[in-house]
Amino acid sequence: MRDKFFENIRIVLPAAIIALVLYCLVSPEIGDVSSSEGPSSWLVIPYLLVIILAIKGVNVTVVLLAGILSVIVSGMIVGYSLIEMFSVAGDGIDSVGNLIVVTLLAAGMLGVIKYSGGIDFILRIVGHKSSTSKGAQASIVFLVAIVNLCTANNTVAIITVGSLARSISQRYGIPSRRVASLLDTGSCIVQSLIPYGAQMLMAASLAGISPVAPLPYLFYPQILILCLLISVLASKDKLN
């Protein structure tokens, strides 16, 4: 996770800074918005704790347990009861059920494709079209973007393309941290821009607007496309 974080930061930080500047320039055109008292700052602690532990390279099981315990403590400080917190946790687990089923189906489908020679066929196409690691990296981004476009789920897209991306990376000598970064960034860009994604539909529903209405203001994912393209083009043919 730490390696992936530092690999990602070189791509996303410039996009985040540019997007922040653009939002600051656009904000005077937006009228006053009524605001109410938000959630307690105590609820931010679990997020910060998980990020810090992940950057430090702590075992993922320890990170998750620390996150769960910090959520319980923070929730009790704010005033939530254990029953309320476990109820919310149950809803979260239930919502992941559909994702698990889709993931299993995607993994089975990929297994059939691999057994039938589909993976080797795709690798031959990639090998024919790409003679350098730059082309291979672009192929990984393209594949995960297409799958995400069809499934509207970045997690399913990453899992579906993961094995294929690993095969491509082994053939062209692309480090695992780089592959993880490409899969994550490529899928999240598509997930942020498609109007039928779960995140966009939920945001539009809460705001009472059309899912396509926010698209002109999604500066960050649009700039991220350019940053990702520059990152691929600027990479060396043989990465260390």
Protein backbone atom coordinates (compact mmCIF):
# COMPACT_ATOMS: atom_id res chain seq x y z
CA MET A 1 0.00 0.00 0.00
CA ARG A 2 2.85 2.38 0.81
CA ASP A 3 4.55 1.71 -2.55
CA LYS A 4 1.27 2.25 -4.39
CA PHE A 5 0.58 5.45 -2.45
CA PHE A 6 3.90 7.02 -3.45
CA GLU A 7 3.45 5.79 -7.02
CA ASN A 8 -0.02 7.36 -7.14
CA ILE A 9 0.92 10.66 -5.53
CA ARG A 10 3.13 11.61 -8.48
CA ILE A 11 0.13 11.32 -10.79
CA VAL A 12 -2.71 12.66 -8.68
CA LEU A 13 -1.05 15.50 -6.74
CA PRO A 14 -0.56 17.79 -9.78
CA ALA A 15 -4.16 17.12 -10.84
CA ALA A 16 -5.42 17.87 -7.32
CA ILE A 17 -3.52 21.19 -7.14
CA ILE A 18 -4.73 22.33 -10.58
CA ALA A 19 -8.32 21.32 -9.75
CA LEU A 20 -8.14 23.21 -6.44
CA VAL A 21 -7.00 26.37 -8.25
CA LEU A 22 -9.81 26.03 -10.79
CA TYR A 23 -12.44 25.55 -8.07
CA CYS A 24 -11.13 28.66 -6.29
CA LEU A 25 -11.50 30.63 -9.53
CA VAL A 26 -15.01 29.31 -10.18
CA SER A 27 -16.31 29.64 -6.62
CA PRO A 28 -17.06 33.41 -6.73
CA GLU A 29 -19.65 32.69 -9.42
CA ILE A 30 -21.56 30.44 -7.03
CA GLY A 31 -24.14 32.07 -4.76
CA ASP A 32 -24.32 31.74 -1.01
CA VAL A 33 -25.07 28.22 0.15
CA SER A 34 -26.79 27.60 3.45
CA SER A 35 -24.80 25.37 5.74
CA SER A 36 -25.53 23.51 8.92
CA GLU A 37 -23.30 22.10 11.60
CA GLY A 38 -21.48 19.10 10.17
CA PRO A 39 -20.35 15.86 11.82
CA SER A 40 -17.88 15.98 14.67
CA SER A 41 -14.19 16.17 13.80
CA TRP A 42 -13.70 13.04 15.94
CA LEU A 43 -15.13 11.01 13.06
CA VAL A 44 -12.19 12.00 10.85
CA ILE A 45 -9.67 10.27 13.14
CA PRO A 46 -10.30 6.70 11.83
CA TYR A 47 -9.65 7.82 8.24
CA LEU A 48 -6.41 9.58 9.18
CA LEU A 49 -5.29 6.62 11.28
CA VAL A 50 -5.83 4.13 8.45
CA ILE A 51 -4.00 6.37 5.93
CA ILE A 52 -1.02 6.91 8.26
CA LEU A 53 -0.69 3.21 9.13
CA ALA A 54 -0.99 2.21 5.46
CA ILE A 55 1.74 4.69 4.45
CA LYS A 56 3.99 3.31 7.18
CA GLY A 57 3.59 -0.17 5.69
CA VAL A 58 1.75 -1.76 8.63
CA ASN A 59 0.14 -5.14 7.92
CA VAL A 60 -3.28 -4.68 6.31
CA THR A 61 -5.05 -6.81 8.96
CA VAL A 62 -3.64 -4.61 11.72
CA VAL A 63 -4.65 -1.49 9.79
CA LEU A 64 -8.24 -2.70 9.39
CA LEU A 65 -8.55 -3.73 13.05
CA ALA A 66 -7.13 -0.38 14.17
CA GLY A 67 -9.62 1.37 11.90
CA ILE A 68 -12.57 -0.58 13.32
CA LEU A 69 -11.52 0.05 16.93
CA SER A 70 -10.96 3.76 16.28
CA VAL A 71 -14.39 4.02 14.67
CA ILE A 72 -16.01 2.47 17.75
CA VAL A 73 -14.14 4.82 20.09
CA SER A 74 -14.85 7.91 17.96
CA GLY A 75 -18.51 6.95 17.60
CA MET A 76 -18.93 6.53 21.35
CA ILE A 77 -17.28 9.92 21.96
CA VAL A 78 -19.69 11.57 19.52
CA GLY A 79 -22.67 9.85 21.13
CA TYR A 80 -23.49 6.81 19.00
CA SER A 81 -24.41 3.63 20.83
CA LEU A 82 -22.83 0.25 20.08
CA ILE A 83 -26.17 -0.99 18.77
CA GLU A 84 -26.35 1.87 16.27
CA MET A 85 -22.77 1.31 15.12
CA PHE A 86 -23.22 -2.44 14.69
CA SER A 87 -26.45 -1.77 12.78
CA VAL A 88 -24.59 0.50 10.36
CA ALA A 89 -21.78 -2.08 10.07
CA GLY A 90 -24.37 -4.74 9.23
CA ASP A 91 -25.83 -2.55 6.50
CA GLY A 92 -22.34 -2.06 5.09
CA ILE A 93 -21.64 -5.79 5.05
CA ASP A 94 -25.00 -6.44 3.40
CA SER A 95 -24.26 -3.87 0.67
CA VAL A 96 -21.02 -5.69 -0.17
CA GLY A 97 -22.90 -8.95 -0.77
CA ASN A 98 -23.82 -8.06 -4.35
CA LEU A 99 -20.24 -7.02 -5.05
CA ILE A 100 -18.93 -10.37 -3.80
CA VAL A 101 -21.32 -12.27 -6.10
CA VAL A 102 -20.31 -10.13 -9.09
CA THR A 103 -16.63 -10.58 -8.21
CA LEU A 104 -16.99 -14.36 -8.05
CA LEU A 105 -18.80 -14.40 -11.39
CA ALA A 106 -16.13 -12.14 -12.92
CA ALA A 107 -13.36 -14.37 -11.58
CA GLY A 108 -15.08 -17.48 -12.97
CA MET A 109 -15.59 -15.82 -16.33
CA LEU A 110 -11.93 -14.80 -16.42
CA GLY A 111 -10.94 -18.37 -15.58
CA VAL A 112 -12.97 -19.69 -18.53
CA ILE A 113 -11.44 -17.05 -20.81
CA LYS A 114 -7.93 -17.98 -19.65
CA TYR A 115 -8.60 -21.73 -20.09
CA SER A 116 -9.92 -21.11 -23.61
CA GLY A 117 -6.81 -19.15 -24.59
CA GLY A 118 -8.38 -15.69 -24.42
CA ILE A 119 -5.64 -14.27 -22.19
CA ASP A 120 -2.94 -15.44 -24.58
CA PHE A 121 -4.91 -13.95 -27.47
CA ILE A 122 -5.11 -10.56 -25.77
CA LEU A 123 -1.42 -10.73 -24.90
CA ARG A 124 -0.60 -11.41 -28.55
CA ILE A 125 -2.65 -8.36 -29.56
CA VAL A 126 -0.91 -6.23 -26.95
CA GLY A 127 2.44 -7.59 -28.07
CA HIS A 128 1.64 -6.80 -31.69
CA LYS A 129 0.46 -3.27 -30.95
CA SER A 130 2.99 -2.49 -28.20
CA SER A 131 6.73 -2.93 -28.39
CA THR A 132 7.61 -0.96 -25.25
CA SER A 133 6.45 -0.78 -21.65
CA LYS A 134 4.74 2.54 -22.44
CA GLY A 135 2.38 0.80 -24.83
CA ALA A 136 1.83 -2.00 -22.31
CA GLN A 137 0.95 0.53 -19.59
CA ALA A 138 -1.47 2.26 -21.94
CA SER A 139 -3.05 -1.14 -22.68
CA ILE A 140 -3.60 -1.80 -18.97
CA VAL A 141 -5.28 1.58 -18.53
CA PHE A 142 -7.42 1.01 -21.62
CA LEU A 143 -8.54 -2.46 -20.52
CA VAL A 144 -9.55 -1.44 -16.99
CA ALA A 145 -11.30 1.67 -18.35
CA ILE A 146 -13.35 -0.37 -20.82
CA VAL A 147 -14.37 -2.93 -18.18
CA ASN A 148 -15.31 -0.15 -15.76
CA LEU A 149 -17.32 1.54 -18.49
CA CYS A 150 -19.29 -1.69 -18.98
CA THR A 151 -19.71 -2.68 -15.31
CA ALA A 152 -19.88 0.78 -13.67
CA ASN A 153 -17.90 -0.64 -10.76
CA ASN A 154 -14.21 0.14 -10.35
CA THR A 155 -13.61 -2.71 -7.88
CA VAL A 156 -15.02 -5.30 -10.28
CA ALA A 157 -13.04 -3.73 -13.13
CA ILE A 158 -9.75 -3.97 -11.20
CA ILE A 159 -10.40 -7.58 -10.16
CA THR A 160 -11.43 -8.58 -13.68
CA VAL A 161 -8.40 -7.05 -15.37
CA GLY A 162 -5.96 -7.80 -12.52
CA SER A 163 -4.71 -11.17 -13.74
CA LEU A 164 -4.34 -9.95 -17.29
CA ALA A 165 -2.52 -6.82 -16.12
CA ARG A 166 -0.13 -9.01 -14.11
CA SER A 167 0.64 -11.09 -17.20
CA ILE A 168 1.29 -7.96 -19.25
CA SER A 169 3.50 -6.50 -16.53
CA GLN A 170 5.59 -9.66 -16.30
CA ARG A 171 6.16 -9.68 -20.05
CA TYR A 172 7.19 -6.02 -20.22
CA GLY A 173 8.95 -5.71 -16.86
CA ILE A 174 6.49 -3.26 -15.26
CA PRO A 175 6.73 -3.14 -11.43
CA SER A 176 3.71 -4.29 -9.43
CA ARG A 177 3.35 -0.92 -7.71
CA ARG A 178 3.06 0.73 -11.11
CA VAL A 179 0.44 -1.76 -12.30
CA ALA A 180 -1.62 -1.21 -9.13
CA SER A 181 -1.43 2.55 -9.66
CA LEU A 182 -2.51 2.30 -13.31
CA LEU A 183 -5.44 0.00 -12.50
CA ASP A 184 -6.60 2.20 -9.64
CA THR A 185 -6.25 5.53 -11.45
CA GLY A 186 -7.66 4.35 -14.77
CA SER A 187 -10.75 2.76 -13.23
CA CYS A 188 -11.42 5.66 -10.85
CA ILE A 189 -11.29 8.20 -13.68
CA VAL A 190 -14.01 6.35 -15.58
CA GLN A 191 -16.03 5.76 -12.41
CA SER A 192 -15.94 9.50 -11.67
CA LEU A 193 -17.16 10.53 -15.12
CA ILE A 194 -19.88 8.01 -16.02
CA PRO A 195 -23.35 9.38 -15.12
CA TYR A 196 -24.68 5.89 -14.34
CA GLY A 197 -22.12 5.07 -11.66
CA ALA A 198 -23.32 4.50 -8.10
CA GLN A 199 -21.45 7.52 -6.75
CA MET A 200 -22.79 9.91 -9.38
CA LEU A 201 -26.34 8.61 -9.06
CA MET A 202 -26.25 8.99 -5.27
CA ALA A 203 -24.81 12.51 -5.44
CA ALA A 204 -27.36 13.57 -8.05
CA SER A 205 -30.19 12.06 -5.99
CA LEU A 206 -29.11 13.94 -2.85
CA ALA A 207 -28.81 17.21 -4.78
CA GLY A 208 -32.01 16.66 -6.74
CA ILE A 209 -30.35 17.16 -10.13
CA SER A 210 -29.64 15.18 -13.28
CA PRO A 211 -26.63 12.82 -13.12
CA VAL A 212 -25.08 14.62 -16.09
CA ALA A 213 -25.38 18.09 -14.53
CA PRO A 214 -22.13 17.89 -12.48
CA LEU A 215 -19.99 16.75 -15.45
CA PRO A 216 -18.77 20.28 -16.46
CA TYR A 217 -17.53 20.81 -12.89
CA LEU A 218 -15.62 17.53 -12.51
CA PHE A 219 -12.27 19.22 -13.00
CA TYR A 220 -10.21 16.72 -11.05
CA PRO A 221 -10.94 13.51 -13.03
CA GLN A 222 -10.70 15.42 -16.31
CA ILE A 223 -7.27 16.82 -15.41
CA LEU A 224 -6.28 13.41 -14.06
CA ILE A 225 -6.69 11.95 -17.55
CA LEU A 226 -4.03 14.34 -18.83
CA CYS A 227 -1.73 13.68 -15.85
CA LEU A 228 -2.05 9.91 -16.34
CA LEU A 229 -1.30 10.26 -20.05
CA ILE A 230 1.79 12.36 -19.31
CA SER A 231 2.90 9.85 -16.68
CA VAL A 232 2.71 6.96 -19.17
CA LEU A 233 4.46 8.88 -21.95
CA ALA A 234 7.19 10.13 -19.59
CA SER A 235 7.90 6.67 -18.14
CA LYS A 236 11.00 4.76 -19.11
CA ASP A 237 10.81 1.77 -21.44
CA LYS A 238 12.19 -0.40 -18.67
CA LEU A 239 11.02 0.62 -15.22
CA ASN A 240 12.98 -0.27 -12.10
